[in-house]
Amino acid sequence: MTGRLAGRAAIVTGASRGLGRAIALALAAEGAAVAVAGRTEEVWDDRLPGTIGETVADIGAAGGRAVPVRADLTDREHIARLVESAREALGP
């Protein structure tokens, strides 16, 4: 971790797998605290591995700080709750 983003917080959507996961890991590696957002809390299809909890665990194992937030971005209430949850857990 380089610390270039120390003291900053980020929300990353789609962070259970693919590009979202890669972005969350990269931001955390630079020192950002990350709200790991997505719909996948458990693997339901072996062809689509990865959960928000696994991403958070990997960030923590590398010395970073992250919180999982389940969010469906097609729902405005979920979006508002995502932002509020990130703010409460990680700061402004």
PDB file of N, CA and C in Angstrom:
ATOM      1  N   MET A   1       0.841  -1.180   0.000  1.00  0.00           N
ATOM      2  CA  MET A   1       0.000   0.000   0.000  1.00  0.00           C
ATOM      3  C   MET A   1       0.885   1.241   0.000  1.00  0.00           C
ATOM      4  N   THR A   2       0.604   2.141  -0.917  1.00  0.00           N
ATOM      5  CA  THR A   2       1.432   3.332  -1.030  1.00  0.00           C
ATOM      6  C   THR A   2       0.948   4.485  -0.181  1.00  0.00           C
ATOM      7  N   GLY A   3      -0.335   4.532   0.113  1.00  0.00           N
ATOM      8  CA  GLY A   3      -0.863   5.609   0.931  1.00  0.00           C
ATOM      9  C   GLY A   3      -1.231   6.867   0.177  1.00  0.00           C
ATOM     10  N   ARG A   4      -1.149   6.850  -1.148  1.00  0.00           N
ATOM     11  CA  ARG A   4      -1.497   8.055  -1.913  1.00  0.00           C
ATOM     12  C   ARG A   4      -2.929   8.497  -1.682  1.00  0.00           C
ATOM     13  N   LEU A   5      -3.815   7.565  -1.339  1.00  0.00           N
ATOM     14  CA  LEU A   5      -5.224   7.895  -1.109  1.00  0.00           C
ATOM     15  C   LEU A   5      -5.605   7.789   0.368  1.00  0.00           C
ATOM     16  N   ALA A   6      -4.615   7.773   1.251  1.00  0.00           N
ATOM     17  CA  ALA A   6      -4.884   7.691   2.690  1.00  0.00           C
ATOM     18  C   ALA A   6      -5.769   8.859   3.111  1.00  0.00           C
ATOM     19  N   GLY A   7      -6.735   8.564   3.962  1.00  0.00           N
ATOM     20  CA  GLY A   7      -7.650   9.598   4.428  1.00  0.00           C
ATOM     21  C   GLY A   7      -8.821   9.845   3.500  1.00  0.00           C
ATOM     22  N   ARG A   8      -8.871   9.125   2.418  1.00  0.00           N
ATOM     23  CA  ARG A   8      -9.971   9.272   1.459  1.00  0.00           C
ATOM     24  C   ARG A   8     -10.854   8.033   1.498  1.00  0.00           C
ATOM     25  N   ALA A   9     -12.091   8.227   1.059  1.00  0.00           N
ATOM     26  CA  ALA A   9     -13.035   7.113   1.001  1.00  0.00           C
ATOM     27  C   ALA A   9     -13.584   7.008  -0.413  1.00  0.00           C
ATOM     28  N   ALA A  10     -13.928   5.791  -0.799  1.00  0.00           N
ATOM     29  CA  ALA A  10     -14.475   5.549  -2.135  1.00  0.00           C
ATOM     30  C   ALA A  10     -15.632   4.565  -2.045  1.00  0.00           C
ATOM     31  N   ILE A  11     -16.586   4.737  -2.935  1.00  0.00           N
ATOM     32  CA  ILE A  11     -17.663   3.768  -3.117  1.00  0.00           C
ATOM     33  C   ILE A  11     -17.412   3.096  -4.461  1.00  0.00           C
ATOM     34  N   VAL A  12     -17.344   1.778  -4.458  1.00  0.00           N
ATOM     35  CA  VAL A  12     -17.143   1.037  -5.702  1.00  0.00           C
ATOM     36  C   VAL A  12     -18.322   0.089  -5.877  1.00  0.00           C
ATOM     37  N   THR A  13     -19.034   0.251  -6.982  1.00  0.00           N
ATOM     38  CA  THR A  13     -20.178  -0.613  -7.264  1.00  0.00           C
ATOM     39  C   THR A  13     -19.741  -1.791  -8.134  1.00  0.00           C
ATOM     40  N   GLY A  14     -20.507  -2.850  -8.070  1.00  0.00           N
ATOM     41  CA  GLY A  14     -20.155  -4.047  -8.835  1.00  0.00           C
ATOM     42  C   GLY A  14     -18.861  -4.654  -8.349  1.00  0.00           C
ATOM     43  N   ALA A  15     -18.584  -4.516  -7.055  1.00  0.00           N
ATOM     44  CA  ALA A  15     -17.278  -4.866  -6.513  1.00  0.00           C
ATOM     45  C   ALA A  15     -17.131  -6.318  -6.080  1.00  0.00           C
ATOM     46  N   SER A  16     -18.111  -7.152  -6.372  1.00  0.00           N
ATOM     47  CA  SER A  16     -17.980  -8.560  -5.993  1.00  0.00           C
ATOM     48  C   SER A  16     -17.107  -9.336  -6.973  1.00  0.00           C
ATOM     49  N   ARG A  17     -16.973  -8.822  -8.192  1.00  0.00           N
ATOM     50  CA  ARG A  17     -16.167  -9.529  -9.193  1.00  0.00           C
ATOM     51  C   ARG A  17     -15.784  -8.580 -10.331  1.00  0.00           C
ATOM     52  N   GLY A  18     -14.940  -9.052 -11.205  1.00  0.00           N
ATOM     53  CA  GLY A  18     -14.597  -8.318 -12.423  1.00  0.00           C
ATOM     54  C   GLY A  18     -13.923  -6.978 -12.185  1.00  0.00           C
ATOM     55  N   LEU A  19     -14.271  -6.015 -13.036  1.00  0.00           N
ATOM     56  CA  LEU A  19     -13.643  -4.695 -12.962  1.00  0.00           C
ATOM     57  C   LEU A  19     -13.927  -3.985 -11.651  1.00  0.00           C
ATOM     58  N   GLY A  20     -15.146  -4.116 -11.137  1.00  0.00           N
ATOM     59  CA  GLY A  20     -15.471  -3.477  -9.863  1.00  0.00           C
ATOM     60  C   GLY A  20     -14.580  -3.978  -8.743  1.00  0.00           C
ATOM     61  N   ARG A  21     -14.375  -5.282  -8.702  1.00  0.00           N
ATOM     62  CA  ARG A  21     -13.493  -5.865  -7.683  1.00  0.00           C
ATOM     63  C   ARG A  21     -12.064  -5.357  -7.864  1.00  0.00           C
ATOM     64  N   ALA A  22     -11.588  -5.346  -9.100  1.00  0.00           N
ATOM     65  CA  ALA A  22     -10.227  -4.884  -9.374  1.00  0.00           C
ATOM     66  C   ALA A  22     -10.046  -3.426  -8.962  1.00  0.00           C
ATOM     67  N   ILE A  23     -11.042  -2.605  -9.223  1.00  0.00           N
ATOM     68  CA  ILE A  23     -10.970  -1.192  -8.841  1.00  0.00           C
ATOM     69  C   ILE A  23     -10.962  -1.051  -7.325  1.00  0.00           C
ATOM     70  N   ALA A  24     -11.830  -1.797  -6.634  1.00  0.00           N
ATOM     71  CA  ALA A  24     -11.868  -1.737  -5.170  1.00  0.00           C
ATOM     72  C   ALA A  24     -10.521  -2.138  -4.571  1.00  0.00           C
ATOM     73  N   LEU A  25      -9.935  -3.213  -5.074  1.00  0.00           N
ATOM     74  CA  LEU A  25      -8.636  -3.663  -4.575  1.00  0.00           C
ATOM     75  C   LEU A  25      -7.546  -2.634  -4.852  1.00  0.00           C
ATOM     76  N   ALA A  26      -7.572  -2.024  -6.036  1.00  0.00           N
ATOM     77  CA  ALA A  26      -6.555  -1.030  -6.393  1.00  0.00           C
ATOM     78  C   ALA A  26      -6.674   0.222  -5.529  1.00  0.00           C
ATOM     79  N   LEU A  27      -7.897   0.699  -5.307  1.00  0.00           N
ATOM     80  CA  LEU A  27      -8.088   1.878  -4.454  1.00  0.00           C
ATOM     81  C   LEU A  27      -7.621   1.599  -3.030  1.00  0.00           C
ATOM     82  N   ALA A  28      -7.963   0.423  -2.516  1.00  0.00           N
ATOM     83  CA  ALA A  28      -7.536   0.054  -1.169  1.00  0.00           C
ATOM     84  C   ALA A  28      -6.016  -0.057  -1.086  1.00  0.00           C
ATOM     85  N   ALA A  29      -5.395  -0.583  -2.130  1.00  0.00           N
ATOM     86  CA  ALA A  29      -3.936  -0.709  -2.150  1.00  0.00           C
ATOM     87  C   ALA A  29      -3.257   0.651  -2.104  1.00  0.00           C
ATOM     88  N   GLU A  30      -3.962   1.674  -2.559  1.00  0.00           N
ATOM     89  CA  GLU A  30      -3.427   3.039  -2.518  1.00  0.00           C
ATOM     90  C   GLU A  30      -3.802   3.755  -1.219  1.00  0.00           C
ATOM     91  N   GLY A  31      -4.513   3.047  -0.322  1.00  0.00           N
ATOM     92  CA  GLY A  31      -4.802   3.605   0.993  1.00  0.00           C
ATOM     93  C   GLY A  31      -6.212   4.102   1.224  1.00  0.00           C
ATOM     94  N   ALA A  32      -7.070   4.058   0.216  1.00  0.00           N
ATOM     95  CA  ALA A  32      -8.450   4.517   0.397  1.00  0.00           C
ATOM     96  C   ALA A  32      -9.241   3.502   1.214  1.00  0.00           C
ATOM     97  N   ALA A  33     -10.162   4.006   2.023  1.00  0.00           N
ATOM     98  CA  ALA A  33     -11.152   3.149   2.670  1.00  0.00           C
ATOM     99  C   ALA A  33     -12.259   2.952   1.638  1.00  0.00           C
ATOM    100  N   VAL A  34     -12.735   1.733   1.485  1.00  0.00           N
ATOM    101  CA  VAL A  34     -13.637   1.427   0.375  1.00  0.00           C
ATOM    102  C   VAL A  34     -14.963   0.838   0.857  1.00  0.00           C
ATOM    103  N   ALA A  35     -16.058   1.417   0.362  1.00  0.00           N
ATOM    104  CA  ALA A  35     -17.375   0.812   0.514  1.00  0.00           C
ATOM    105  C   ALA A  35     -17.554  -0.101  -0.690  1.00  0.00           C
ATOM    106  N   VAL A  36     -17.560  -1.391  -0.437  1.00  0.00           N
ATOM    107  CA  VAL A  36     -17.649  -2.408  -1.483  1.00  0.00           C
ATOM    108  C   VAL A  36     -19.130  -2.714  -1.711  1.00  0.00           C
ATOM    109  N   ALA A  37     -19.661  -2.222  -2.812  1.00  0.00           N
ATOM    110  CA  ALA A  37     -21.099  -2.341  -3.065  1.00  0.00           C
ATOM    111  C   ALA A  37     -21.398  -3.337  -4.174  1.00  0.00           C
ATOM    112  N   GLY A  38     -22.503  -4.034  -3.996  1.00  0.00           N
ATOM    113  CA  GLY A  38     -22.960  -4.980  -5.003  1.00  0.00           C
ATOM    114  C   GLY A  38     -24.182  -5.714  -4.505  1.00  0.00           C
ATOM    115  N   ARG A  39     -24.697  -6.579  -5.353  1.00  0.00           N
ATOM    116  CA  ARG A  39     -25.877  -7.360  -4.984  1.00  0.00           C
ATOM    117  C   ARG A  39     -25.520  -8.749  -4.487  1.00  0.00           C
ATOM    118  N   THR A  40     -24.278  -9.174  -4.718  1.00  0.00           N
ATOM    119  CA  THR A  40     -23.903 -10.557  -4.442  1.00  0.00           C
ATOM    120  C   THR A  40     -23.320 -10.716  -3.045  1.00  0.00           C
ATOM    121  N   GLU A  41     -24.135 -11.277  -2.151  1.00  0.00           N
ATOM    122  CA  GLU A  41     -23.668 -11.565  -0.799  1.00  0.00           C
ATOM    123  C   GLU A  41     -23.276 -13.029  -0.646  1.00  0.00           C
ATOM    124  N   GLU A  42     -23.740 -13.860  -1.554  1.00  0.00           N
ATOM    125  CA  GLU A  42     -23.354 -15.269  -1.555  1.00  0.00           C
ATOM    126  C   GLU A  42     -23.330 -15.771  -2.997  1.00  0.00           C
ATOM    127  N   VAL A  43     -22.454 -16.732  -3.245  1.00  0.00           N
ATOM    128  CA  VAL A  43     -22.333 -17.295  -4.592  1.00  0.00           C
ATOM    129  C   VAL A  43     -23.542 -18.182  -4.850  1.00  0.00           C
ATOM    130  N   TRP A  44     -24.269 -17.896  -5.895  1.00  0.00           N
ATOM    131  CA  TRP A  44     -25.447 -18.696  -6.261  1.00  0.00           C
ATOM    132  C   TRP A  44     -25.252 -19.408  -7.587  1.00  0.00           C
ATOM    133  N   ASP A  45     -24.168 -19.095  -8.280  1.00  0.00           N
ATOM    134  CA  ASP A  45     -23.863 -19.749  -9.554  1.00  0.00           C
ATOM    135  C   ASP A  45     -22.345 -19.897  -9.626  1.00  0.00           C
ATOM    136  N   ASP A  46     -21.858 -21.121  -9.701  1.00  0.00           N
ATOM    137  CA  ASP A  46     -20.416 -21.365  -9.714  1.00  0.00           C
ATOM    138  C   ASP A  46     -19.703 -20.701 -10.882  1.00  0.00           C
ATOM    139  N   ARG A  47     -20.447 -20.360 -11.922  1.00  0.00           N
ATOM    140  CA  ARG A  47     -19.834 -19.684 -13.070  1.00  0.00           C
ATOM    141  C   ARG A  47     -19.568 -18.212 -12.771  1.00  0.00           C
ATOM    142  N   LEU A  48     -20.163 -17.700 -11.678  1.00  0.00           N
ATOM    143  CA  LEU A  48     -19.991 -16.298 -11.287  1.00  0.00           C
ATOM    144  C   LEU A  48     -19.491 -16.220  -9.848  1.00  0.00           C
ATOM    145  N   PRO A  49     -18.241 -16.614  -9.615  1.00  0.00           N
ATOM    146  CA  PRO A  49     -17.729 -16.591  -8.246  1.00  0.00           C
ATOM    147  C   PRO A  49     -17.494 -15.161  -7.771  1.00  0.00           C
ATOM    148  N   GLY A  50     -17.452 -15.007  -6.474  1.00  0.00           N
ATOM    149  CA  GLY A  50     -17.133 -13.716  -5.882  1.00  0.00           C
ATOM    150  C   GLY A  50     -18.319 -13.090  -5.186  1.00  0.00           C
ATOM    151  N   THR A  51     -18.046 -12.511  -4.011  1.00  0.00           N
ATOM    152  CA  THR A  51     -19.070 -11.808  -3.248  1.00  0.00           C
ATOM    153  C   THR A  51     -18.479 -10.512  -2.713  1.00  0.00           C
ATOM    154  N   ILE A  52     -19.345  -9.615  -2.266  1.00  0.00           N
ATOM    155  CA  ILE A  52     -18.830  -8.376  -1.678  1.00  0.00           C
ATOM    156  C   ILE A  52     -18.050  -8.690  -0.401  1.00  0.00           C
ATOM    157  N   GLY A  53     -18.484  -9.707   0.338  1.00  0.00           N
ATOM    158  CA  GLY A  53     -17.766 -10.101   1.549  1.00  0.00           C
ATOM    159  C   GLY A  53     -16.363 -10.603   1.259  1.00  0.00           C
ATOM    160  N   GLU A  54     -16.205 -11.348   0.176  1.00  0.00           N
ATOM    161  CA  GLU A  54     -14.878 -11.841  -0.206  1.00  0.00           C
ATOM    162  C   GLU A  54     -13.961 -10.686  -0.596  1.00  0.00           C
ATOM    163  N   THR A  55     -14.507  -9.711  -1.306  1.00  0.00           N
ATOM    164  CA  THR A  55     -13.695  -8.551  -1.682  1.00  0.00           C
ATOM    165  C   THR A  55     -13.250  -7.797  -0.435  1.00  0.00           C
ATOM    166  N   VAL A  56     -14.174  -7.595   0.508  1.00  0.00           N
ATOM    167  CA  VAL A  56     -13.833  -6.918   1.768  1.00  0.00           C
ATOM    168  C   VAL A  56     -12.763  -7.712   2.520  1.00  0.00           C
ATOM    169  N   ALA A  57     -12.914  -9.034   2.579  1.00  0.00           N
ATOM    170  CA  ALA A  57     -11.935  -9.872   3.270  1.00  0.00           C
ATOM    171  C   ALA A  57     -10.555  -9.762   2.630  1.00  0.00           C
ATOM    172  N   ASP A  58     -10.497  -9.744   1.311  1.00  0.00           N
ATOM    173  CA  ASP A  58      -9.209  -9.629   0.619  1.00  0.00           C
ATOM    174  C   ASP A  58      -8.562  -8.271   0.876  1.00  0.00           C
ATOM    175  N   ILE A  59      -9.371  -7.229   0.909  1.00  0.00           N
ATOM    176  CA  ILE A  59      -8.836  -5.898   1.217  1.00  0.00           C
ATOM    177  C   ILE A  59      -8.293  -5.882   2.643  1.00  0.00           C
ATOM    178  N   GLY A  60      -9.047  -6.443   3.580  1.00  0.00           N
ATOM    179  CA  GLY A  60      -8.594  -6.500   4.968  1.00  0.00           C
ATOM    180  C   GLY A  60      -7.324  -7.313   5.132  1.00  0.00           C
ATOM    181  N   ALA A  61      -7.228  -8.435   4.425  1.00  0.00           N
ATOM    182  CA  ALA A  61      -6.041  -9.288   4.505  1.00  0.00           C
ATOM    183  C   ALA A  61      -4.791  -8.572   4.005  1.00  0.00           C
ATOM    184  N   ALA A  62      -4.993  -7.616   3.106  1.00  0.00           N
ATOM    185  CA  ALA A  62      -3.869  -6.848   2.570  1.00  0.00           C
ATOM    186  C   ALA A  62      -3.579  -5.607   3.415  1.00  0.00           C
ATOM    187  N   GLY A  63      -4.317  -5.458   4.527  1.00  0.00           N
ATOM    188  CA  GLY A  63      -4.073  -4.322   5.411  1.00  0.00           C
ATOM    189  C   GLY A  63      -4.945  -3.117   5.156  1.00  0.00           C
ATOM    190  N   GLY A  64      -5.924  -3.254   4.269  1.00  0.00           N
ATOM    191  CA  GLY A  64      -6.809  -2.134   3.950  1.00  0.00           C
ATOM    192  C   GLY A  64      -8.069  -2.127   4.792  1.00  0.00           C
ATOM    193  N   ARG A  65      -8.873  -1.114   4.562  1.00  0.00           N
ATOM    194  CA  ARG A  65     -10.132  -0.947   5.294  1.00  0.00           C
ATOM    195  C   ARG A  65     -11.278  -0.910   4.296  1.00  0.00           C
ATOM    196  N   ALA A  66     -12.282  -1.765   4.522  1.00  0.00           N
ATOM    197  CA  ALA A  66     -13.427  -1.815   3.615  1.00  0.00           C
ATOM    198  C   ALA A  66     -14.660  -2.291   4.366  1.00  0.00           C
ATOM    199  N   VAL A  67     -15.817  -1.902   3.851  1.00  0.00           N
ATOM    200  CA  VAL A  67     -17.093  -2.360   4.396  1.00  0.00           C
ATOM    201  C   VAL A  67     -17.959  -2.849   3.242  1.00  0.00           C
ATOM    202  N   PRO A  68     -18.701  -3.940   3.466  1.00  0.00           N
ATOM    203  CA  PRO A  68     -19.614  -4.413   2.426  1.00  0.00           C
ATOM    204  C   PRO A  68     -20.953  -3.692   2.537  1.00  0.00           C
ATOM    205  N   VAL A  69     -21.522  -3.333   1.401  1.00  0.00           N
ATOM    206  CA  VAL A  69     -22.850  -2.719   1.384  1.00  0.00           C
ATOM    207  C   VAL A  69     -23.638  -3.361   0.247  1.00  0.00           C
ATOM    208  N   ARG A  70     -24.717  -4.065   0.602  1.00  0.00           N
ATOM    209  CA  ARG A  70     -25.561  -4.655  -0.432  1.00  0.00           C
ATOM    210  C   ARG A  70     -26.403  -3.546  -1.031  1.00  0.00           C
ATOM    211  N   ALA A  71     -26.356  -3.424  -2.350  1.00  0.00           N
ATOM    212  CA  ALA A  71     -27.107  -2.359  -3.021  1.00  0.00           C
ATOM    213  C   ALA A  71     -27.504  -2.787  -4.425  1.00  0.00           C
ATOM    214  N   ASP A  72     -28.739  -2.478  -4.771  1.00  0.00           N
ATOM    215  CA  ASP A  72     -29.263  -2.671  -6.119  1.00  0.00           C
ATOM    216  C   ASP A  72     -29.417  -1.274  -6.711  1.00  0.00           C
ATOM    217  N   LEU A  73     -28.565  -0.926  -7.644  1.00  0.00           N
ATOM    218  CA  LEU A  73     -28.532   0.443  -8.160  1.00  0.00           C
ATOM    219  C   LEU A  73     -29.700   0.792  -9.063  1.00  0.00           C
ATOM    220  N   THR A  74     -30.609  -0.132  -9.269  1.00  0.00           N
ATOM    221  CA  THR A  74     -31.837   0.204  -9.991  1.00  0.00           C
ATOM    222  C   THR A  74     -32.899   0.741  -9.034  1.00  0.00           C
ATOM    223  N   ASP A  75     -32.592   0.758  -7.745  1.00  0.00           N
ATOM    224  CA  ASP A  75     -33.529   1.195  -6.708  1.00  0.00           C
ATOM    225  C   ASP A  75     -32.977   2.441  -6.016  1.00  0.00           C
ATOM    226  N   ARG A  76     -33.670   3.573  -6.144  1.00  0.00           N
ATOM    227  CA  ARG A  76     -33.192   4.839  -5.571  1.00  0.00           C
ATOM    228  C   ARG A  76     -32.979   4.760  -4.062  1.00  0.00           C
ATOM    229  N   GLU A  77     -33.829   4.028  -3.369  1.00  0.00           N
ATOM    230  CA  GLU A  77     -33.660   3.887  -1.922  1.00  0.00           C
ATOM    231  C   GLU A  77     -32.362   3.161  -1.591  1.00  0.00           C
ATOM    232  N   HIS A  78     -32.015   2.168  -2.387  1.00  0.00           N
ATOM    233  CA  HIS A  78     -30.754   1.458  -2.181  1.00  0.00           C
ATOM    234  C   HIS A  78     -29.571   2.401  -2.396  1.00  0.00           C
ATOM    235  N   ILE A  79     -29.668   3.256  -3.392  1.00  0.00           N
ATOM    236  CA  ILE A  79     -28.579   4.196  -3.672  1.00  0.00           C
ATOM    237  C   ILE A  79     -28.388   5.141  -2.495  1.00  0.00           C
ATOM    238  N   ALA A  80     -29.481   5.695  -1.993  1.00  0.00           N
ATOM    239  CA  ALA A  80     -29.399   6.604  -0.844  1.00  0.00           C
ATOM    240  C   ALA A  80     -28.821   5.879   0.370  1.00  0.00           C
ATOM    241  N   ARG A  81     -29.250   4.646   0.589  1.00  0.00           N
ATOM    242  CA  ARG A  81     -28.756   3.865   1.724  1.00  0.00           C
ATOM    243  C   ARG A  81     -27.272   3.537   1.542  1.00  0.00           C
ATOM    244  N   LEU A  82     -26.850   3.277   0.321  1.00  0.00           N
ATOM    245  CA  LEU A  82     -25.438   3.011   0.037  1.00  0.00           C
ATOM    246  C   LEU A  82     -24.576   4.199   0.436  1.00  0.00           C
ATOM    247  N   VAL A  83     -24.969   5.377  -0.003  1.00  0.00           N
ATOM    248  CA  VAL A  83     -24.191   6.579   0.305  1.00  0.00           C
ATOM    249  C   VAL A  83     -24.163   6.824   1.809  1.00  0.00           C
ATOM    250  N   GLU A  84     -25.309   6.706   2.464  1.00  0.00           N
ATOM    251  CA  GLU A  84     -25.377   6.928   3.908  1.00  0.00           C
ATOM    252  C   GLU A  84     -24.563   5.883   4.670  1.00  0.00           C
ATOM    253  N   SER A  85     -24.648   4.636   4.259  1.00  0.00           N
ATOM    254  CA  SER A  85     -23.872   3.576   4.915  1.00  0.00           C
ATOM    255  C   SER A  85     -22.376   3.821   4.765  1.00  0.00           C
ATOM    256  N   ALA A  86     -21.957   4.218   3.577  1.00  0.00           N
ATOM    257  CA  ALA A  86     -20.540   4.510   3.345  1.00  0.00           C
ATOM    258  C   ALA A  86     -20.092   5.686   4.197  1.00  0.00           C
ATOM    259  N   ARG A  87     -20.895   6.722   4.258  1.00  0.00           N
ATOM    260  CA  ARG A  87     -20.553   7.909   5.049  1.00  0.00           C
ATOM    261  C   ARG A  87     -20.435   7.551   6.532  1.00  0.00           C
ATOM    262  N   GLU A  88     -21.392   6.780   7.040  1.00  0.00           N
ATOM    263  CA  GLU A  88     -21.360   6.390   8.450  1.00  0.00           C
ATOM    264  C   GLU A  88     -20.150   5.518   8.778  1.00  0.00           C
ATOM    265  N   ALA A  89     -19.841   4.572   7.911  1.00  0.00           N
ATOM    266  CA  ALA A  89     -18.761   3.625   8.182  1.00  0.00           C
ATOM    267  C   ALA A  89     -17.369   4.182   7.904  1.00  0.00           C
ATOM    268  N   LEU A  90     -17.269   5.031   6.889  1.00  0.00           N
ATOM    269  CA  LEU A  90     -15.947   5.463   6.431  1.00  0.00           C
ATOM    270  C   LEU A  90     -15.664   6.940   6.630  1.00  0.00           C
ATOM    271  N   GLY A  91     -16.683   7.719   6.955  1.00  0.00           N
ATOM    272  CA  GLY A  91     -16.512   9.159   7.104  1.00  0.00           C
ATOM    273  C   GLY A  91     -16.820   9.877   5.809  1.00  0.00           C
ATOM    274  N   PRO A  92     -16.831  11.223   5.883  1.00  0.00           N
ATOM    275  CA  PRO A  92     -17.197  12.020   4.687  1.00  0.00           C
ATOM    276  C   PRO A  92     -16.156  11.943   3.590  1.00  0.00           C
TER     277      PRO A  92
END
